[in-house]
Amino acid sequence: MIVRKPGSLALAALAALMLPAMAACGQDAPVTEKAKPATSKDSQAAAKPVAFEREAEKFTYSYAYPAEAAAIPALAKLLEEDRVQGLAELESEAEEAEKDAKANDYPYNPHMQGTSWSTTGNTPPLLAMLGEISSYSGGAHGNTGYEVLLWDKAAGKRLKPEALFTDMNAALDPMRTLYCDGLKAERQVRRGEYMSADPEDMFNVCPPFSDLVIIPSAVGQDRFDRILFVAAPYVAGPYAEGVYEISVPVTRQTIASIKPEYRAAFSAAE
């Protein structure tokens, strides 16, 4: 198993900001994986990854996306609009928080927000990216969430994951057992001797797919051959255990539930 290790600009900035506050306070087996860049395409040869960071007295803001996204003008425009909006919102929130801290005579801790997009697969019809959104607004630690961005290249628009399927529940339900088994195994690796056998423990329960971020993944090829299930902190384990990413292989049954116009982007795992 490959365990995801946070390494984005957002998490690095978050760790730096948190220190003062913390001082004050056939089917293959499922695997854990980190999103990997897809194989380079000719169209992205001229494009470069984008990494923006602004560090001010009241806040730190970062936003990054890969070359695959920068190579698509309409998608790059969407991401730049998101970056600009996020910066403006953070700046406003930090200013208000500092005023509130002064008015109530308590120390102000600089805020942080960071978004880092990584490619999980780049196929001829679709680009799939997983966004890691980290934030800190005071307290013992920050928060981390995840978002899916699927880009339909022919239509030039963003898709919701459910738009890929004729019936998303029917497509994913057969993966349930493999996912839960993979999650249990990864929990055992992380917890070791501290693994609880209590079935009522909320962090021993296999979370419903509705609580997860779900995105197709292409492992070293140009078609999606796995579905990646992402559980943010507190969803499948306590904050200290971090994110759980478990992928399950795509099967012929999965492909049968995908809309005809997107089937060419998928292949059953070998």
Protein backbone atom coordinates (compact mmCIF):
# COMPACT_ATOMS: atom_id res chain seq x y z
CA MET A 1 0.00 0.00 0.00
CA ILE A 2 1.11 3.57 -0.72
CA VAL A 3 0.14 5.99 2.03
CA ARG A 4 -0.57 9.58 1.05
CA LYS A 5 1.82 12.07 2.62
CA PRO A 6 0.67 15.73 2.54
CA GLY A 7 3.13 17.76 0.52
CA SER A 8 1.23 20.69 -0.98
CA LEU A 9 2.01 24.38 -0.59
CA ALA A 10 -1.23 24.73 1.34
CA LEU A 11 -0.29 22.17 3.99
CA ALA A 12 3.22 23.54 4.32
CA ALA A 13 1.84 27.01 4.98
CA LEU A 14 -0.74 25.60 7.38
CA ALA A 15 1.94 23.83 9.42
CA ALA A 16 3.97 27.03 9.72
CA LEU A 17 0.97 29.06 10.88
CA MET A 18 -0.26 26.47 13.36
CA LEU A 19 2.91 26.33 15.47
CA PRO A 20 2.17 29.44 17.62
CA ALA A 21 -1.46 28.41 18.17
CA MET A 22 -0.50 24.84 19.05
CA ALA A 23 2.00 26.14 21.58
CA ALA A 24 -0.74 28.19 23.14
CA CYS A 25 -3.19 25.17 23.01
CA GLY A 26 -11.26 -10.16 -11.54
CA GLN A 27 -10.75 -7.58 -9.06
CA ASP A 28 -7.54 -6.33 -7.67
CA ALA A 29 -7.22 -5.51 -4.02
CA PRO A 30 -8.01 -1.91 -3.12
CA VAL A 31 -4.97 0.28 -2.48
CA THR A 32 -4.25 3.60 -0.84
CA GLU A 33 -2.67 6.06 -3.20
CA LYS A 34 -1.63 9.63 -3.76
CA ALA A 35 -2.85 11.46 -6.84
CA LYS A 36 -0.10 11.32 -9.48
CA PRO A 37 0.34 13.50 -12.56
CA ALA A 38 -0.77 11.83 -15.77
CA THR A 39 1.53 11.27 -18.74
CA SER A 40 2.48 14.54 -20.44
CA LYS A 41 0.61 15.49 -23.61
CA ASP A 42 1.85 17.56 -26.55
CA SER A 43 -0.70 20.27 -25.76
CA GLN A 44 0.74 20.78 -22.29
CA ALA A 45 4.37 20.90 -23.40
CA ALA A 46 4.22 24.70 -23.56
CA ALA A 47 2.11 25.02 -20.42
CA LYS A 48 3.61 25.14 -16.95
CA PRO A 49 2.16 24.40 -13.52
CA VAL A 50 0.82 27.45 -11.73
CA ALA A 51 1.79 28.12 -8.12
CA PHE A 52 0.64 31.39 -6.55
CA GLU A 53 1.41 32.45 -2.99
CA ARG A 54 0.89 35.67 -1.09
CA GLU A 55 2.14 36.14 2.44
CA ALA A 56 0.91 39.21 4.31
CA GLU A 57 0.94 40.29 7.93
CA LYS A 58 -2.63 39.10 8.48
CA PHE A 59 -2.79 36.04 6.24
CA THR A 60 -1.10 33.59 3.89
CA TYR A 61 -2.79 32.47 0.70
CA SER A 62 -1.72 29.88 -1.86
CA TYR A 63 -3.25 28.40 -4.98
CA ALA A 64 -1.74 25.84 -7.34
CA TYR A 65 -2.81 23.79 -10.34
CA PRO A 66 -0.97 21.50 -12.77
CA ALA A 67 0.20 22.03 -16.35
CA GLU A 68 -2.62 19.83 -17.66
CA ALA A 69 -5.12 22.44 -16.42
CA ALA A 70 -3.04 25.44 -17.47
CA ALA A 71 -2.99 24.05 -21.03
CA ILE A 72 -6.80 24.37 -21.34
CA PRO A 73 -7.67 28.10 -21.63
CA ALA A 74 -11.28 27.83 -20.44
CA LEU A 75 -10.29 25.72 -17.45
CA ALA A 76 -7.36 27.97 -16.58
CA LYS A 77 -9.75 30.94 -16.67
CA LEU A 78 -12.13 29.18 -14.28
CA LEU A 79 -9.29 28.37 -11.88
CA GLU A 80 -7.90 31.90 -12.02
CA GLU A 81 -11.33 33.31 -11.19
CA ASP A 82 -11.51 30.92 -8.24
CA ARG A 83 -8.03 31.97 -7.11
CA VAL A 84 -8.84 35.68 -7.23
CA GLN A 85 -12.15 35.21 -5.42
CA GLY A 86 -10.55 33.08 -2.71
CA LEU A 87 -7.84 35.68 -2.09
CA ALA A 88 -10.38 38.50 -1.79
CA GLU A 89 -12.53 36.52 0.63
CA LEU A 90 -9.57 35.55 2.82
CA GLU A 91 -8.29 39.12 2.93
CA SER A 92 -11.71 40.38 4.05
CA GLU A 93 -12.17 37.63 6.65
CA ALA A 94 -8.69 38.16 8.10
CA GLU A 95 -9.26 41.89 8.44
CA GLU A 96 -12.54 41.35 10.28
CA ALA A 97 -11.00 38.69 12.52
CA GLU A 98 -8.13 40.98 13.49
CA LYS A 99 -10.57 43.77 14.39
CA ASP A 100 -12.58 41.35 16.50
CA ALA A 101 -9.44 40.15 18.29
CA LYS A 102 -8.42 43.71 19.17
CA ALA A 103 -11.93 44.62 20.31
CA ASN A 104 -12.06 41.60 22.62
CA ASP A 105 -8.45 41.82 23.79
CA TYR A 106 -7.13 38.46 22.61
CA PRO A 107 -4.19 37.68 20.31
CA TYR A 108 -4.79 37.44 16.59
CA ASN A 109 -3.30 34.47 14.75
CA PRO A 110 -2.76 35.05 11.02
CA HIS A 111 -5.22 33.18 8.86
CA MET A 112 -4.36 30.80 6.05
CA GLN A 113 -6.09 29.37 3.04
CA GLY A 114 -4.58 27.17 0.35
CA THR A 115 -5.92 25.24 -2.60
CA SER A 116 -3.80 22.68 -4.42
CA TRP A 117 -5.14 20.81 -7.45
CA SER A 118 -3.49 17.55 -8.52
CA THR A 119 -4.24 15.43 -11.57
CA THR A 120 -5.69 11.97 -10.98
CA GLY A 121 -6.06 11.24 -14.69
CA ASN A 122 -5.81 12.97 -18.07
CA THR A 123 -7.68 11.10 -20.80
CA PRO A 124 -8.59 12.33 -24.30
CA PRO A 125 -12.22 13.08 -23.28
CA LEU A 126 -11.74 14.06 -19.63
CA LEU A 127 -9.30 15.65 -17.21
CA ALA A 128 -9.81 14.73 -13.54
CA MET A 129 -8.31 16.74 -10.69
CA LEU A 130 -8.52 16.45 -6.93
CA GLY A 131 -8.45 19.70 -4.98
CA GLU A 132 -7.05 19.84 -1.46
CA ILE A 133 -8.39 22.91 0.37
CA SER A 134 -6.68 23.78 3.63
CA SER A 135 -7.60 26.62 5.98
CA TYR A 136 -6.65 28.00 9.36
CA SER A 137 -8.51 30.70 11.29
CA GLY A 138 -7.18 30.23 14.82
CA GLY A 139 -7.34 27.34 17.24
CA ALA A 140 -5.29 24.20 17.75
CA HIS A 141 -5.26 23.12 14.12
CA GLY A 142 -6.64 23.94 10.71
CA ASN A 143 -9.13 22.16 8.50
CA THR A 144 -8.68 20.26 5.26
CA GLY A 145 -11.34 19.40 2.70
CA TYR A 146 -11.39 17.94 -0.79
CA GLU A 147 -13.13 18.76 -4.06
CA VAL A 148 -13.46 17.09 -7.46
CA LEU A 149 -12.99 18.87 -10.76
CA LEU A 150 -13.87 16.93 -13.92
CA TRP A 151 -13.39 18.75 -17.20
CA ASP A 152 -15.16 17.66 -20.39
CA LYS A 153 -12.66 18.69 -23.07
CA ALA A 154 -15.04 18.46 -26.03
CA ALA A 155 -17.84 20.39 -24.34
CA GLY A 156 -15.45 22.79 -22.64
CA LYS A 157 -17.22 22.60 -19.30
CA ARG A 158 -16.99 21.26 -15.78
CA LEU A 159 -18.90 18.09 -14.90
CA LYS A 160 -20.22 16.74 -11.62
CA PRO A 161 -19.06 13.16 -10.93
CA GLU A 162 -22.62 11.83 -11.13
CA ALA A 163 -22.84 13.17 -14.70
CA LEU A 164 -20.49 10.37 -15.80
CA PHE A 165 -22.95 7.63 -14.90
CA THR A 166 -26.38 6.47 -15.94
CA ASP A 167 -26.78 5.52 -12.26
CA MET A 168 -23.90 6.41 -9.96
CA ASN A 169 -25.20 4.37 -7.02
CA ALA A 170 -25.57 1.26 -9.18
CA ALA A 171 -22.03 1.74 -10.48
CA LEU A 172 -20.43 2.16 -7.05
CA ASP A 173 -22.44 -0.23 -4.87
CA PRO A 174 -20.47 -3.31 -6.07
CA MET A 175 -17.28 -1.56 -4.87
CA ARG A 176 -18.54 -1.20 -1.32
CA THR A 177 -17.02 -4.36 0.15
CA LEU A 178 -13.62 -3.79 -1.45
CA TYR A 179 -13.58 -0.20 -0.25
CA CYS A 180 -14.50 -1.07 3.34
CA ASP A 181 -11.93 -3.90 3.43
CA GLY A 182 -9.24 -1.57 2.11
CA LEU A 183 -10.13 1.12 4.63
CA LYS A 184 -10.03 -1.37 7.51
CA ALA A 185 -6.59 -2.58 6.44
CA GLU A 186 -5.23 0.96 6.20
CA ARG A 187 -6.67 1.86 9.60
CA GLN A 188 -4.85 -1.15 11.05
CA VAL A 189 -1.58 0.05 9.51
CA ARG A 190 -1.97 3.53 10.98
CA ARG A 191 -3.31 2.55 14.41
CA GLY A 192 -1.39 -0.66 15.04
CA GLU A 193 -1.86 -1.91 18.59
CA TYR A 194 -4.26 0.97 19.28
CA MET A 195 -6.83 -0.33 16.80
CA SER A 196 -10.15 -0.57 18.62
CA ALA A 197 -12.42 -3.57 18.19
CA ASP A 198 -15.48 -1.61 19.33
CA PRO A 199 -18.04 -1.73 16.49
CA GLU A 200 -19.77 1.33 17.99
CA ASP A 201 -16.63 3.46 17.66
CA MET A 202 -17.49 6.06 15.00
CA PHE A 203 -14.00 5.75 13.54
CA ASN A 204 -14.37 2.00 13.09
CA VAL A 205 -17.48 2.36 10.94
CA CYS A 206 -17.09 2.30 7.17
CA PRO A 207 -18.44 5.73 6.13
CA PRO A 208 -21.17 5.94 3.49
CA PHE A 209 -20.07 6.93 0.01
CA SER A 210 -22.15 10.10 0.42
CA ASP A 211 -19.57 11.30 3.00
CA LEU A 212 -16.64 10.79 0.61
CA VAL A 213 -15.16 12.65 -2.31
CA ILE A 214 -15.21 10.30 -5.30
CA ILE A 215 -13.09 10.73 -8.42
CA PRO A 216 -11.84 8.51 -11.28
CA SER A 217 -8.14 7.74 -11.30
CA ALA A 218 -5.76 6.64 -14.07
CA VAL A 219 -2.79 4.75 -12.68
CA GLY A 220 0.03 5.15 -15.18
CA GLN A 221 -2.11 5.09 -18.32
CA ASP A 222 -4.39 7.28 -20.42
CA ARG A 223 -7.70 5.78 -19.28
CA PHE A 224 -9.35 5.67 -15.86
CA ASP A 225 -8.94 2.21 -14.37
CA ARG A 226 -9.72 2.92 -10.71
CA ILE A 227 -12.19 4.90 -8.63
CA LEU A 228 -10.59 6.89 -5.81
CA PHE A 229 -12.55 7.36 -2.57
CA VAL A 230 -11.27 10.22 -0.40
CA ALA A 231 -12.20 10.56 3.28
CA ALA A 232 -11.18 13.90 4.78
CA PRO A 233 -10.01 14.12 8.41
CA TYR A 234 -12.80 13.21 10.87
CA VAL A 235 -14.70 11.20 8.23
CA ALA A 236 -12.89 7.86 8.58
CA GLY A 237 -10.56 8.63 11.45
CA PRO A 238 -9.50 11.33 13.93
CA TYR A 239 -7.74 14.47 12.73
CA ALA A 240 -4.30 13.08 13.58
CA GLU A 241 -4.74 10.20 11.11
CA GLY A 242 -5.20 12.61 8.21
CA VAL A 243 -6.88 11.83 4.90
CA TYR A 244 -7.72 8.29 3.82
CA GLU A 245 -7.49 7.65 0.07
CA ILE A 246 -8.58 4.18 -1.02
CA SER A 247 -8.91 3.23 -4.68
CA VAL A 248 -10.92 0.35 -6.10
CA PRO A 249 -10.48 -1.07 -9.63
CA VAL A 250 -12.92 -0.28 -12.40
CA THR A 251 -14.66 -3.40 -13.76
CA ARG A 252 -16.70 -4.16 -16.86
CA GLN A 253 -19.77 -3.79 -14.65
CA THR A 254 -18.62 -0.27 -13.73
CA ILE A 255 -18.12 0.66 -17.37
CA ALA A 256 -21.62 -0.57 -18.23
CA SER A 257 -22.99 2.09 -15.85
CA ILE A 258 -21.02 4.92 -17.47
CA LYS A 259 -22.75 7.09 -20.06
CA PRO A 260 -21.79 6.10 -23.64
CA GLU A 261 -20.10 9.42 -24.38
CA TYR A 262 -17.60 8.89 -21.54
CA ARG A 263 -16.94 5.15 -21.75
CA ALA A 264 -13.86 5.62 -23.92
CA ALA A 265 -12.21 7.36 -20.97
CA PHE A 266 -12.41 4.19 -18.83
CA SER A 267 -10.94 0.72 -18.93
CA ALA A 268 -11.35 -2.31 -16.69
CA ALA A 269 -8.29 -2.82 -14.49
CA GLU A 270 -6.06 -5.69 -15.54
